[in-house]
Amino acid sequence: MTATSEQFKDKLEQIRRNLQTVIVGKDAELDLFLVGLLSGGHLLLEDIPGVGKTTLAKALARCVGGTLSRLQFTPDLLPTDIVGVSVYNPKDGEFRFQPGPIFCHVLLADEINRASPRTQSALLEAMGERQVTVDGSSRSLDEPFFVIATQNPIDSHGTYPLPEAQLDRFTMRLRLGYPPLEEEKRILLGQGGHTRLESLEVVVSPEELVGMQRYVAALPVDESVLDYLLAVVEATRHHGAVRLGVSPRGTLACLAAARAHALLDQRDFVTPHDIKAIAGPAMAHRIILRTEAKYAGTLTQHVVEDVLSQVEVPR
């Protein structure tokens, strides 16, 4: 490789500082957010309203100089409202494709679980293959293409749970949570949030970001680290509380996230530390618990923590 992590150090640090300007007191969560971006995957932000999910998406789009589309998912939203539709033009007697909001660099899917399963399925091909099919024709999406979906885990009235196949296409699931009181005071004093969003400058171009993502995808991984990841994944599949463990697609996503974490940590190689750092956000939402384990109060995050404590870390 001719490029090194040092070449991206300043750019990544500037993006991190920009995001910390608008989302205060959440440095660890923002690092994981950047891991999701660098891995070339997509993020599910599962959190209560009003903690800055939309602001975070807008700030990221500004930092990478990309286009942002925001879709409010509602029960009456149709697939064509997302991907676009062919419209008949009576002047020339032909149909012309009108692109939907999915043709962008950053797609904010607000309250994704409020749309019907049919509408949610419109995102499956886009998230997995970076293309959409309309009227039998496949159309490539812009690069980079980054989906940030949000859902409220508290209010379940009028919602449709995301199917396992769709959850599996999110590289990580994150929660921002409430900011510390001292940081919330800063927000009240106008030192964060929307007051700083307008002042953010472009740090990298979309093309530069794609270059970072390709570099991340090529980072070397020692065989012992791969074996460790596979052992952790296999342990989720045989855990006593689990009905369905991490899928092979999930394993690939975990490896991509671990590579991105290594770059964010200014390293050109992946270590077991990277696997452990991303395991919770990258694995927990892919695990389906047995019914008796749910009633006993077990959470998927507990399963991941249990597995990590049991699987031996390679030296």
C-alpha atoms as a PDB file:
ATOM      1  CA  MET A   1       0.000   0.000   0.000  1.00  0.00           C
ATOM      2  CA  THR A   2       1.263   3.435  -0.777  1.00  0.00           C
ATOM      3  CA  ALA A   3      -1.117   5.233   1.562  1.00  0.00           C
ATOM      4  CA  THR A   4      -0.818   5.113   5.346  1.00  0.00           C
ATOM      5  CA  SER A   5      -3.074   6.018   8.252  1.00  0.00           C
ATOM      6  CA  GLU A   6      -0.952   9.132   8.821  1.00  0.00           C
ATOM      7  CA  GLN A   7      -2.277  10.616   5.583  1.00  0.00           C
ATOM      8  CA  PHE A   8      -5.833  10.490   6.928  1.00  0.00           C
ATOM      9  CA  LYS A   9      -5.018  11.496  10.509  1.00  0.00           C
ATOM     10  CA  ASP A  10      -5.607  15.249  10.189  1.00  0.00           C
ATOM     11  CA  LYS A  11      -8.776  14.886   8.112  1.00  0.00           C
ATOM     12  CA  LEU A  12     -10.344  12.394  10.504  1.00  0.00           C
ATOM     13  CA  GLU A  13      -9.414  14.490  13.506  1.00  0.00           C
ATOM     14  CA  GLN A  14     -11.025  17.554  11.941  1.00  0.00           C
ATOM     15  CA  ILE A  15     -14.224  15.642  11.166  1.00  0.00           C
ATOM     16  CA  ARG A  16     -14.252  14.368  14.739  1.00  0.00           C
ATOM     17  CA  ARG A  17     -13.858  17.909  16.116  1.00  0.00           C
ATOM     18  CA  ASN A  18     -16.652  19.176  13.882  1.00  0.00           C
ATOM     19  CA  LEU A  19     -19.043  16.492  15.116  1.00  0.00           C
ATOM     20  CA  GLN A  20     -18.015  17.140  18.729  1.00  0.00           C
ATOM     21  CA  THR A  21     -18.957  20.776  18.190  1.00  0.00           C
ATOM     22  CA  VAL A  22     -22.596  19.951  17.505  1.00  0.00           C
ATOM     23  CA  ILE A  23     -22.955  16.787  19.656  1.00  0.00           C
ATOM     24  CA  VAL A  24     -21.281  17.528  22.971  1.00  0.00           C
ATOM     25  CA  GLY A  25     -20.278  15.033  25.633  1.00  0.00           C
ATOM     26  CA  LYS A  26     -20.539  11.965  23.366  1.00  0.00           C
ATOM     27  CA  ASP A  27     -16.981  11.429  22.128  1.00  0.00           C
ATOM     28  CA  ALA A  28     -17.038   7.612  22.350  1.00  0.00           C
ATOM     29  CA  GLU A  29     -20.355   7.399  20.489  1.00  0.00           C
ATOM     30  CA  LEU A  30     -19.097   9.763  17.775  1.00  0.00           C
ATOM     31  CA  ASP A  31     -16.018   7.599  17.255  1.00  0.00           C
ATOM     32  CA  LEU A  32     -18.274   4.596  16.656  1.00  0.00           C
ATOM     33  CA  PHE A  33     -20.347   6.744  14.316  1.00  0.00           C
ATOM     34  CA  LEU A  34     -17.207   7.445  12.287  1.00  0.00           C
ATOM     35  CA  VAL A  35     -16.360   3.747  12.345  1.00  0.00           C
ATOM     36  CA  GLY A  36     -19.700   3.057  10.657  1.00  0.00           C
ATOM     37  CA  LEU A  37     -18.971   5.704   8.036  1.00  0.00           C
ATOM     38  CA  LEU A  38     -15.431   4.523   7.273  1.00  0.00           C
ATOM     39  CA  SER A  39     -16.504   0.895   7.073  1.00  0.00           C
ATOM     40  CA  GLY A  40     -18.718   1.725   4.104  1.00  0.00           C
ATOM     41  CA  GLY A  41     -21.798   0.425   5.903  1.00  0.00           C
ATOM     42  CA  HIS A  42     -24.935   1.951   7.394  1.00  0.00           C
ATOM     43  CA  LEU A  43     -26.015   2.962  10.888  1.00  0.00           C
ATOM     44  CA  LEU A  44     -29.155   2.495  12.940  1.00  0.00           C
ATOM     45  CA  LEU A  45     -29.551   5.146  15.657  1.00  0.00           C
ATOM     46  CA  GLU A  46     -32.010   3.734  18.163  1.00  0.00           C
ATOM     47  CA  ASP A  47     -32.706   6.459  20.671  1.00  0.00           C
ATOM     48  CA  ILE A  48     -35.245   8.740  22.267  1.00  0.00           C
ATOM     49  CA  PRO A  49     -36.283  11.935  20.439  1.00  0.00           C
ATOM     50  CA  GLY A  50     -34.342  15.131  20.868  1.00  0.00           C
ATOM     51  CA  VAL A  51     -30.800  13.886  21.487  1.00  0.00           C
ATOM     52  CA  GLY A  52     -29.339  15.170  18.202  1.00  0.00           C
ATOM     53  CA  LYS A  53     -29.718  12.342  15.692  1.00  0.00           C
ATOM     54  CA  THR A  54     -30.862  14.636  12.875  1.00  0.00           C
ATOM     55  CA  THR A  55     -28.261  17.265  13.743  1.00  0.00           C
ATOM     56  CA  LEU A  56     -25.548  14.615  13.623  1.00  0.00           C
ATOM     57  CA  ALA A  57     -26.585  13.507  10.129  1.00  0.00           C
ATOM     58  CA  LYS A  58     -26.635  17.117   8.880  1.00  0.00           C
ATOM     59  CA  ALA A  59     -23.210  17.789  10.398  1.00  0.00           C
ATOM     60  CA  LEU A  60     -21.730  14.728   8.719  1.00  0.00           C
ATOM     61  CA  ALA A  61     -23.121  15.696   5.309  1.00  0.00           C
ATOM     62  CA  ARG A  62     -21.511  19.120   5.701  1.00  0.00           C
ATOM     63  CA  CYS A  63     -18.154  17.631   6.710  1.00  0.00           C
ATOM     64  CA  VAL A  64     -17.938  15.375   3.651  1.00  0.00           C
ATOM     65  CA  GLY A  65     -19.332  17.916   1.210  1.00  0.00           C
ATOM     66  CA  GLY A  66     -22.081  15.503   0.251  1.00  0.00           C
ATOM     67  CA  THR A  67     -25.760  15.755  -0.494  1.00  0.00           C
ATOM     68  CA  LEU A  68     -28.218  14.996   2.298  1.00  0.00           C
ATOM     69  CA  SER A  69     -31.757  13.672   1.894  1.00  0.00           C
ATOM     70  CA  ARG A  70     -34.086  13.425   4.851  1.00  0.00           C
ATOM     71  CA  LEU A  71     -37.123  11.160   4.736  1.00  0.00           C
ATOM     72  CA  GLN A  72     -39.738  11.108   7.466  1.00  0.00           C
ATOM     73  CA  PHE A  73     -41.050   7.561   7.416  1.00  0.00           C
ATOM     74  CA  THR A  74     -44.813   7.382   7.907  1.00  0.00           C
ATOM     75  CA  PRO A  75     -47.406   4.618   7.416  1.00  0.00           C
ATOM     76  CA  ASP A  76     -48.527   6.109   4.077  1.00  0.00           C
ATOM     77  CA  LEU A  77     -45.006   6.395   2.612  1.00  0.00           C
ATOM     78  CA  LEU A  78     -44.642   4.368  -0.608  1.00  0.00           C
ATOM     79  CA  PRO A  79     -41.535   2.706  -2.094  1.00  0.00           C
ATOM     80  CA  THR A  80     -41.695   5.099  -5.051  1.00  0.00           C
ATOM     81  CA  ASP A  81     -41.432   7.997  -2.581  1.00  0.00           C
ATOM     82  CA  ILE A  82     -37.945   6.671  -1.795  1.00  0.00           C
ATOM     83  CA  VAL A  83     -36.480   5.315  -5.026  1.00  0.00           C
ATOM     84  CA  GLY A  84     -38.325   7.445  -7.586  1.00  0.00           C
ATOM     85  CA  VAL A  85     -40.791   6.780 -10.370  1.00  0.00           C
ATOM     86  CA  SER A  86     -41.053   6.871 -14.164  1.00  0.00           C
ATOM     87  CA  VAL A  87     -43.320   9.704 -15.301  1.00  0.00           C
ATOM     88  CA  TYR A  88     -45.013   9.806 -18.696  1.00  0.00           C
ATOM     89  CA  ASN A  89     -44.208  12.875 -20.766  1.00  0.00           C
ATOM     90  CA  PRO A  90     -47.061  13.513 -23.237  1.00  0.00           C
ATOM     91  CA  LYS A  91     -44.916  15.820 -25.406  1.00  0.00           C
ATOM     92  CA  ASP A  92     -42.558  13.124 -26.591  1.00  0.00           C
ATOM     93  CA  GLY A  93     -44.669  10.107 -25.617  1.00  0.00           C
ATOM     94  CA  GLU A  94     -41.936   8.626 -23.411  1.00  0.00           C
ATOM     95  CA  PHE A  95     -41.486   7.776 -19.759  1.00  0.00           C
ATOM     96  CA  ARG A  96     -38.759   9.638 -17.902  1.00  0.00           C
ATOM     97  CA  PHE A  97     -37.321   8.550 -14.604  1.00  0.00           C
ATOM     98  CA  GLN A  98     -37.646  11.022 -11.741  1.00  0.00           C
ATOM     99  CA  PRO A  99     -35.025  10.087  -9.116  1.00  0.00           C
ATOM    100  CA  GLY A 100     -36.189   9.788  -5.536  1.00  0.00           C
ATOM    101  CA  PRO A 101     -34.416  11.139  -2.443  1.00  0.00           C
ATOM    102  CA  ILE A 102     -32.380   7.932  -2.149  1.00  0.00           C
ATOM    103  CA  PHE A 103     -30.032   9.324  -4.814  1.00  0.00           C
ATOM    104  CA  CYS A 104     -27.790  11.170  -2.375  1.00  0.00           C
ATOM    105  CA  HIS A 105     -24.624  10.691  -0.323  1.00  0.00           C
ATOM    106  CA  VAL A 106     -26.224  10.689   3.137  1.00  0.00           C
ATOM    107  CA  LEU A 107     -29.798   9.442   3.580  1.00  0.00           C
ATOM    108  CA  LEU A 108     -31.461  10.188   6.909  1.00  0.00           C
ATOM    109  CA  ALA A 109     -34.370   7.777   7.356  1.00  0.00           C
ATOM    110  CA  ASP A 110     -36.217   9.254  10.320  1.00  0.00           C
ATOM    111  CA  GLU A 111     -38.348   6.851  12.372  1.00  0.00           C
ATOM    112  CA  ILE A 112     -37.812   4.071   9.860  1.00  0.00           C
ATOM    113  CA  ASN A 113     -40.004   1.669  11.835  1.00  0.00           C
ATOM    114  CA  ARG A 114     -43.128   3.788  11.218  1.00  0.00           C
ATOM    115  CA  ALA A 115     -43.295   2.800   7.548  1.00  0.00           C
ATOM    116  CA  SER A 116     -44.877  -0.418   6.337  1.00  0.00           C
ATOM    117  CA  PRO A 117     -42.698  -3.474   5.661  1.00  0.00           C
ATOM    118  CA  ARG A 118     -43.283  -2.986   1.932  1.00  0.00           C
ATOM    119  CA  THR A 119     -41.772   0.498   2.091  1.00  0.00           C
ATOM    120  CA  GLN A 120     -38.924  -0.599   4.359  1.00  0.00           C
ATOM    121  CA  SER A 121     -38.043  -3.283   1.826  1.00  0.00           C
ATOM    122  CA  ALA A 122     -37.326  -0.575  -0.751  1.00  0.00           C
ATOM    123  CA  LEU A 123     -34.108   0.100   1.137  1.00  0.00           C
ATOM    124  CA  LEU A 124     -32.843  -3.498   1.106  1.00  0.00           C
ATOM    125  CA  GLU A 125     -31.349  -3.494  -2.383  1.00  0.00           C
ATOM    126  CA  ALA A 126     -29.970   0.022  -1.968  1.00  0.00           C
ATOM    127  CA  MET A 127     -28.231  -0.780   1.314  1.00  0.00           C
ATOM    128  CA  GLY A 128     -26.881  -4.117   0.170  1.00  0.00           C
ATOM    129  CA  GLU A 129     -25.922  -3.485  -3.452  1.00  0.00           C
ATOM    130  CA  ARG A 130     -25.738   0.314  -3.778  1.00  0.00           C
ATOM    131  CA  GLN A 131     -28.367   0.290  -6.523  1.00  0.00           C
ATOM    132  CA  VAL A 132     -32.133   0.380  -7.009  1.00  0.00           C
ATOM    133  CA  THR A 133     -34.271  -1.346  -9.603  1.00  0.00           C
ATOM    134  CA  VAL A 134     -37.144   0.625 -11.121  1.00  0.00           C
ATOM    135  CA  ASP A 135     -39.281  -0.696 -13.981  1.00  0.00           C
ATOM    136  CA  GLY A 136     -36.807  -3.500 -14.562  1.00  0.00           C
ATOM    137  CA  SER A 137     -33.787  -1.190 -14.879  1.00  0.00           C
ATOM    138  CA  SER A 138     -31.002  -1.062 -12.283  1.00  0.00           C
ATOM    139  CA  ARG A 139     -29.687   2.375 -11.383  1.00  0.00           C
ATOM    140  CA  SER A 140     -26.479   2.863  -9.420  1.00  0.00           C
ATOM    141  CA  LEU A 141     -26.495   5.139  -6.388  1.00  0.00           C
ATOM    142  CA  ASP A 142     -24.012   7.880  -5.624  1.00  0.00           C
ATOM    143  CA  GLU A 143     -20.724   7.108  -3.895  1.00  0.00           C
ATOM    144  CA  PRO A 144     -20.409   7.236  -0.990  1.00  0.00           C
ATOM    145  CA  PHE A 145     -23.899   6.136   0.034  1.00  0.00           C
ATOM    146  CA  PHE A 146     -24.509   6.186   3.779  1.00  0.00           C
ATOM    147  CA  VAL A 147     -27.871   5.440   5.411  1.00  0.00           C
ATOM    148  CA  ILE A 148     -28.520   6.783   8.906  1.00  0.00           C
ATOM    149  CA  ALA A 149     -31.815   5.356  10.118  1.00  0.00           C
ATOM    150  CA  THR A 150     -33.441   6.351  13.397  1.00  0.00           C
ATOM    151  CA  GLN A 151     -36.107   4.732  15.507  1.00  0.00           C
ATOM    152  CA  ASN A 152     -37.612   5.393  18.912  1.00  0.00           C
ATOM    153  CA  PRO A 153     -37.326   2.284  21.125  1.00  0.00           C
ATOM    154  CA  ILE A 154     -39.877   3.597  23.640  1.00  0.00           C
ATOM    155  CA  ASP A 155     -42.946   4.513  21.582  1.00  0.00           C
ATOM    156  CA  SER A 156     -44.201   1.387  19.797  1.00  0.00           C
ATOM    157  CA  HIS A 157     -47.657   2.747  18.841  1.00  0.00           C
ATOM    158  CA  GLY A 158     -48.102   2.630  15.069  1.00  0.00           C
ATOM    159  CA  THR A 159     -44.705   1.085  14.370  1.00  0.00           C
ATOM    160  CA  TYR A 160     -43.551  -1.956  12.400  1.00  0.00           C
ATOM    161  CA  PRO A 161     -40.569  -3.848  13.849  1.00  0.00           C
ATOM    162  CA  LEU A 162     -37.671  -4.016  11.420  1.00  0.00           C
ATOM    163  CA  PRO A 163     -37.333  -7.525   9.955  1.00  0.00           C
ATOM    164  CA  GLU A 164     -34.146  -9.460  10.658  1.00  0.00           C
ATOM    165  CA  ALA A 165     -32.992  -9.191   7.036  1.00  0.00           C
ATOM    166  CA  GLN A 166     -33.101  -5.402   7.237  1.00  0.00           C
ATOM    167  CA  LEU A 167     -31.465  -5.190  10.658  1.00  0.00           C
ATOM    168  CA  ASP A 168     -28.651  -7.347   9.311  1.00  0.00           C
ATOM    169  CA  ARG A 169     -27.842  -4.712   6.690  1.00  0.00           C
ATOM    170  CA  PHE A 170     -26.950  -2.125   9.319  1.00  0.00           C
ATOM    171  CA  THR A 171     -23.276  -2.311  10.191  1.00  0.00           C
ATOM    172  CA  MET A 172     -23.903  -1.019  13.701  1.00  0.00           C
ATOM    173  CA  ARG A 173     -26.673   0.067  16.035  1.00  0.00           C
ATOM    174  CA  LEU A 174     -25.823   3.036  18.233  1.00  0.00           C
ATOM    175  CA  ARG A 175     -27.441   5.005  21.018  1.00  0.00           C
ATOM    176  CA  LEU A 176     -26.477   8.587  21.874  1.00  0.00           C
ATOM    177  CA  GLY A 177     -28.447   8.957  25.089  1.00  0.00           C
ATOM    178  CA  TYR A 178     -28.762  12.071  27.234  1.00  0.00           C
ATOM    179  CA  PRO A 179     -25.729  14.359  27.407  1.00  0.00           C
ATOM    180  CA  PRO A 180     -24.044  14.918  30.807  1.00  0.00           C
ATOM    181  CA  LEU A 181     -25.633  17.809  32.718  1.00  0.00           C
ATOM    182  CA  GLU A 182     -22.581  20.021  32.348  1.00  0.00           C
ATOM    183  CA  GLU A 183     -22.589  19.491  28.593  1.00  0.00           C
ATOM    184  CA  GLU A 184     -26.334  20.122  28.409  1.00  0.00           C
ATOM    185  CA  LYS A 185     -25.694  23.432  30.136  1.00  0.00           C
ATOM    186  CA  ARG A 186     -23.279  24.290  27.327  1.00  0.00           C
ATOM    187  CA  ILE A 187     -26.068  23.594  24.849  1.00  0.00           C
ATOM    188  CA  LEU A 188     -28.348  25.977  26.743  1.00  0.00           C
ATOM    189  CA  LEU A 189     -25.620  28.610  26.533  1.00  0.00           C
ATOM    190  CA  GLY A 190     -25.496  28.218  22.763  1.00  0.00           C
ATOM    191  CA  GLN A 191     -22.252  26.247  22.643  1.00  0.00           C
ATOM    192  CA  GLY A 192     -23.487  23.240  20.677  1.00  0.00           C
ATOM    193  CA  GLY A 193     -26.198  21.837  18.451  1.00  0.00           C
ATOM    194  CA  HIS A 194     -27.901  23.900  15.729  1.00  0.00           C
ATOM    195  CA  THR A 195     -26.059  27.079  16.770  1.00  0.00           C
ATOM    196  CA  ARG A 196     -22.801  25.554  15.541  1.00  0.00           C
ATOM    197  CA  LEU A 197     -24.106  23.533  12.611  1.00  0.00           C
ATOM    198  CA  GLU A 198     -24.144  26.424  10.151  1.00  0.00           C
ATOM    199  CA  SER A 199     -20.480  27.227  10.812  1.00  0.00           C
ATOM    200  CA  LEU A 200     -19.116  23.782   9.903  1.00  0.00           C
ATOM    201  CA  GLU A 201     -16.801  23.631   6.911  1.00  0.00           C
ATOM    202  CA  VAL A 202     -16.195  20.894   4.365  1.00  0.00           C
ATOM    203  CA  VAL A 203     -13.300  18.667   5.460  1.00  0.00           C
ATOM    204  CA  VAL A 204     -13.174  16.066   2.682  1.00  0.00           C
ATOM    205  CA  SER A 205     -14.880  15.631  -0.651  1.00  0.00           C
ATOM    206  CA  PRO A 206     -17.119  12.646  -1.362  1.00  0.00           C
ATOM    207  CA  GLU A 207     -14.353  11.273  -3.589  1.00  0.00           C
ATOM    208  CA  GLU A 208     -11.799  11.545  -0.759  1.00  0.00           C
ATOM    209  CA  LEU A 209     -14.170   9.744   1.588  1.00  0.00           C
ATOM    210  CA  VAL A 210     -14.551   6.907  -0.910  1.00  0.00           C
ATOM    211  CA  GLY A 211     -10.758   6.701  -1.020  1.00  0.00           C
ATOM    212  CA  MET A 212     -10.677   6.362   2.768  1.00  0.00           C
ATOM    213  CA  GLN A 213     -13.295   3.624   2.673  1.00  0.00           C
ATOM    214  CA  ARG A 214     -11.354   1.694   0.038  1.00  0.00           C
ATOM    215  CA  TYR A 215      -8.178   2.030   2.074  1.00  0.00           C
ATOM    216  CA  VAL A 216     -10.004   0.696   5.129  1.00  0.00           C
ATOM    217  CA  ALA A 217     -11.316  -2.279   3.154  1.00  0.00           C
ATOM    218  CA  ALA A 218      -7.736  -3.231   2.227  1.00  0.00           C
ATOM    219  CA  LEU A 219      -6.177  -3.047   5.702  1.00  0.00           C
ATOM    220  CA  PRO A 220      -4.321  -6.295   6.489  1.00  0.00           C
ATOM    221  CA  VAL A 221      -5.730  -8.634   9.142  1.00  0.00           C
ATOM    222  CA  ASP A 222      -3.632 -11.348  10.751  1.00  0.00           C
ATOM    223  CA  GLU A 223      -5.056 -14.848  10.603  1.00  0.00           C
ATOM    224  CA  SER A 224      -5.088 -15.079  14.397  1.00  0.00           C
ATOM    225  CA  VAL A 225      -7.356 -12.005  14.542  1.00  0.00           C
ATOM    226  CA  LEU A 226      -9.673 -13.544  11.952  1.00  0.00           C
ATOM    227  CA  ASP A 227      -9.805 -16.736  14.001  1.00  0.00           C
ATOM    228  CA  TYR A 228     -10.670 -14.687  17.092  1.00  0.00           C
ATOM    229  CA  LEU A 229     -13.530 -12.924  15.280  1.00  0.00           C
ATOM    230  CA  LEU A 230     -14.854 -16.239  13.996  1.00  0.00           C
ATOM    231  CA  ALA A 231     -14.667 -17.737  17.499  1.00  0.00           C
ATOM    232  CA  VAL A 232     -16.687 -14.834  18.920  1.00  0.00           C
ATOM    233  CA  VAL A 233     -19.283 -15.110  16.147  1.00  0.00           C
ATOM    234  CA  GLU A 234     -19.538 -18.889  16.557  1.00  0.00           C
ATOM    235  CA  ALA A 235     -20.025 -18.442  20.304  1.00  0.00           C
ATOM    236  CA  THR A 236     -23.048 -16.191  19.692  1.00  0.00           C
ATOM    237  CA  ARG A 237     -24.626 -18.961  17.630  1.00  0.00           C
ATOM    238  CA  HIS A 238     -24.304 -21.554  20.400  1.00  0.00           C
ATOM    239  CA  HIS A 239     -25.075 -19.377  23.416  1.00  0.00           C
ATOM    240  CA  GLY A 240     -27.815 -20.822  25.593  1.00  0.00           C
ATOM    241  CA  ALA A 241     -29.955 -17.677  25.440  1.00  0.00           C
ATOM    242  CA  VAL A 242     -29.748 -17.280  21.668  1.00  0.00           C
ATOM    243  CA  ARG A 243     -32.126 -18.580  19.015  1.00  0.00           C
ATOM    244  CA  LEU A 244     -30.277 -17.007  16.087  1.00  0.00           C
ATOM    245  CA  GLY A 245     -26.681 -15.783  16.249  1.00  0.00           C
ATOM    246  CA  VAL A 246     -24.581 -13.472  14.094  1.00  0.00           C
ATOM    247  CA  SER A 247     -24.883 -14.230  10.371  1.00  0.00           C
ATOM    248  CA  PRO A 248     -22.024 -14.487   7.842  1.00  0.00           C
ATOM    249  CA  ARG A 249     -23.065 -11.041   6.584  1.00  0.00           C
ATOM    250  CA  GLY A 250     -22.710  -9.862  10.154  1.00  0.00           C
ATOM    251  CA  THR A 251     -19.222 -11.356  10.356  1.00  0.00           C
ATOM    252  CA  LEU A 252     -18.188  -9.391   7.265  1.00  0.00           C
ATOM    253  CA  ALA A 253     -19.674  -6.226   8.749  1.00  0.00           C
ATOM    254  CA  CYS A 254     -17.786  -6.768  12.015  1.00  0.00           C
ATOM    255  CA  LEU A 255     -14.516  -7.172  10.128  1.00  0.00           C
ATOM    256  CA  ALA A 256     -15.171  -3.983   8.145  1.00  0.00           C
ATOM    257  CA  ALA A 257     -15.951  -2.100  11.356  1.00  0.00           C
ATOM    258  CA  ALA A 258     -12.817  -3.472  13.043  1.00  0.00           C
ATOM    259  CA  ARG A 259     -10.708  -2.264  10.123  1.00  0.00           C
ATOM    260  CA  ALA A 260     -12.321   1.188  10.360  1.00  0.00           C
ATOM    261  CA  HIS A 261     -11.669   1.272  14.117  1.00  0.00           C
ATOM    262  CA  ALA A 262      -8.005   0.500  13.466  1.00  0.00           C
ATOM    263  CA  LEU A 263      -7.710   3.436  11.060  1.00  0.00           C
ATOM    264  CA  LEU A 264      -9.466   5.735  13.529  1.00  0.00           C
ATOM    265  CA  ASP A 265      -6.895   4.562  16.087  1.00  0.00           C
ATOM    266  CA  GLN A 266      -4.163   5.514  13.587  1.00  0.00           C
ATOM    267  CA  ARG A 267      -3.040   1.971  12.845  1.00  0.00           C
ATOM    268  CA  ASP A 268      -2.503   0.154   9.559  1.00  0.00           C
ATOM    269  CA  PHE A 269      -3.414  -3.248  10.964  1.00  0.00           C
ATOM    270  CA  VAL A 270      -6.257  -4.820  12.957  1.00  0.00           C
ATOM    271  CA  THR A 271      -5.900  -6.201  16.488  1.00  0.00           C
ATOM    272  CA  PRO A 272      -8.247  -8.118  18.820  1.00  0.00           C
ATOM    273  CA  HIS A 273      -8.809  -4.791  20.592  1.00  0.00           C
ATOM    274  CA  ASP A 274     -10.602  -3.538  17.471  1.00  0.00           C
ATOM    275  CA  ILE A 275     -12.867  -6.594  17.458  1.00  0.00           C
ATOM    276  CA  LYS A 276     -13.795  -6.083  21.120  1.00  0.00           C
ATOM    277  CA  ALA A 277     -14.364  -2.337  20.632  1.00  0.00           C
ATOM    278  CA  ILE A 278     -16.979  -2.802  17.900  1.00  0.00           C
ATOM    279  CA  ALA A 279     -18.486  -6.135  18.991  1.00  0.00           C
ATOM    280  CA  GLY A 280     -21.437  -4.723  20.953  1.00  0.00           C
ATOM    281  CA  PRO A 281     -22.655  -2.161  18.399  1.00  0.00           C
ATOM    282  CA  ALA A 282     -21.965  -4.492  15.455  1.00  0.00           C
ATOM    283  CA  MET A 283     -23.334  -7.771  16.844  1.00  0.00           C
ATOM    284  CA  ALA A 284     -26.081  -7.122  19.395  1.00  0.00           C
ATOM    285  CA  HIS A 285     -28.790  -6.104  16.893  1.00  0.00           C
ATOM    286  CA  ARG A 286     -28.143  -9.250  14.829  1.00  0.00           C
ATOM    287  CA  ILE A 287     -28.839 -11.638  17.706  1.00  0.00           C
ATOM    288  CA  ILE A 288     -32.318 -13.057  18.301  1.00  0.00           C
ATOM    289  CA  LEU A 289     -32.974 -14.322  21.816  1.00  0.00           C
ATOM    290  CA  ARG A 290     -35.008 -17.297  22.897  1.00  0.00           C
ATOM    291  CA  THR A 291     -38.411 -16.384  24.309  1.00  0.00           C
ATOM    292  CA  GLU A 292     -37.561 -17.602  27.807  1.00  0.00           C
ATOM    293  CA  ALA A 293     -34.353 -15.531  27.798  1.00  0.00           C
ATOM    294  CA  LYS A 294     -36.323 -12.382  26.904  1.00  0.00           C
ATOM    295  CA  TYR A 295     -38.747 -12.926  29.770  1.00  0.00           C
ATOM    296  CA  ALA A 296     -35.801 -13.501  32.095  1.00  0.00           C
ATOM    297  CA  GLY A 297     -34.507  -9.996  31.294  1.00  0.00           C
ATOM    298  CA  THR A 298     -31.585 -11.002  29.089  1.00  0.00           C
ATOM    299  CA  LEU A 299     -30.492  -8.448  26.507  1.00  0.00           C
ATOM    300  CA  THR A 300     -28.535  -9.123  23.341  1.00  0.00           C
ATOM    301  CA  GLN A 301     -25.844  -6.786  24.644  1.00  0.00           C
ATOM    302  CA  HIS A 302     -25.461  -9.104  27.643  1.00  0.00           C
ATOM    303  CA  VAL A 303     -24.886 -12.029  25.290  1.00  0.00           C
ATOM    304  CA  VAL A 304     -22.097 -10.193  23.470  1.00  0.00           C
ATOM    305  CA  GLU A 305     -20.438  -9.234  26.763  1.00  0.00           C
ATOM    306  CA  ASP A 306     -20.712 -12.819  27.974  1.00  0.00           C
ATOM    307  CA  VAL A 307     -19.187 -14.182  24.770  1.00  0.00           C
ATOM    308  CA  LEU A 308     -16.292 -11.711  24.848  1.00  0.00           C
ATOM    309  CA  SER A 309     -15.487 -12.717  28.416  1.00  0.00           C
ATOM    310  CA  GLN A 310     -15.369 -16.394  27.475  1.00  0.00           C
ATOM    311  CA  VAL A 311     -13.503 -16.436  24.154  1.00  0.00           C
ATOM    312  CA  GLU A 312      -9.735 -16.408  24.598  1.00  0.00           C
ATOM    313  CA  VAL A 313      -7.969 -13.396  23.112  1.00  0.00           C
ATOM    314  CA  PRO A 314      -4.957 -14.311  20.943  1.00  0.00           C
ATOM    315  CA  ARG A 315      -1.596 -12.985  22.054  1.00  0.00           C
END
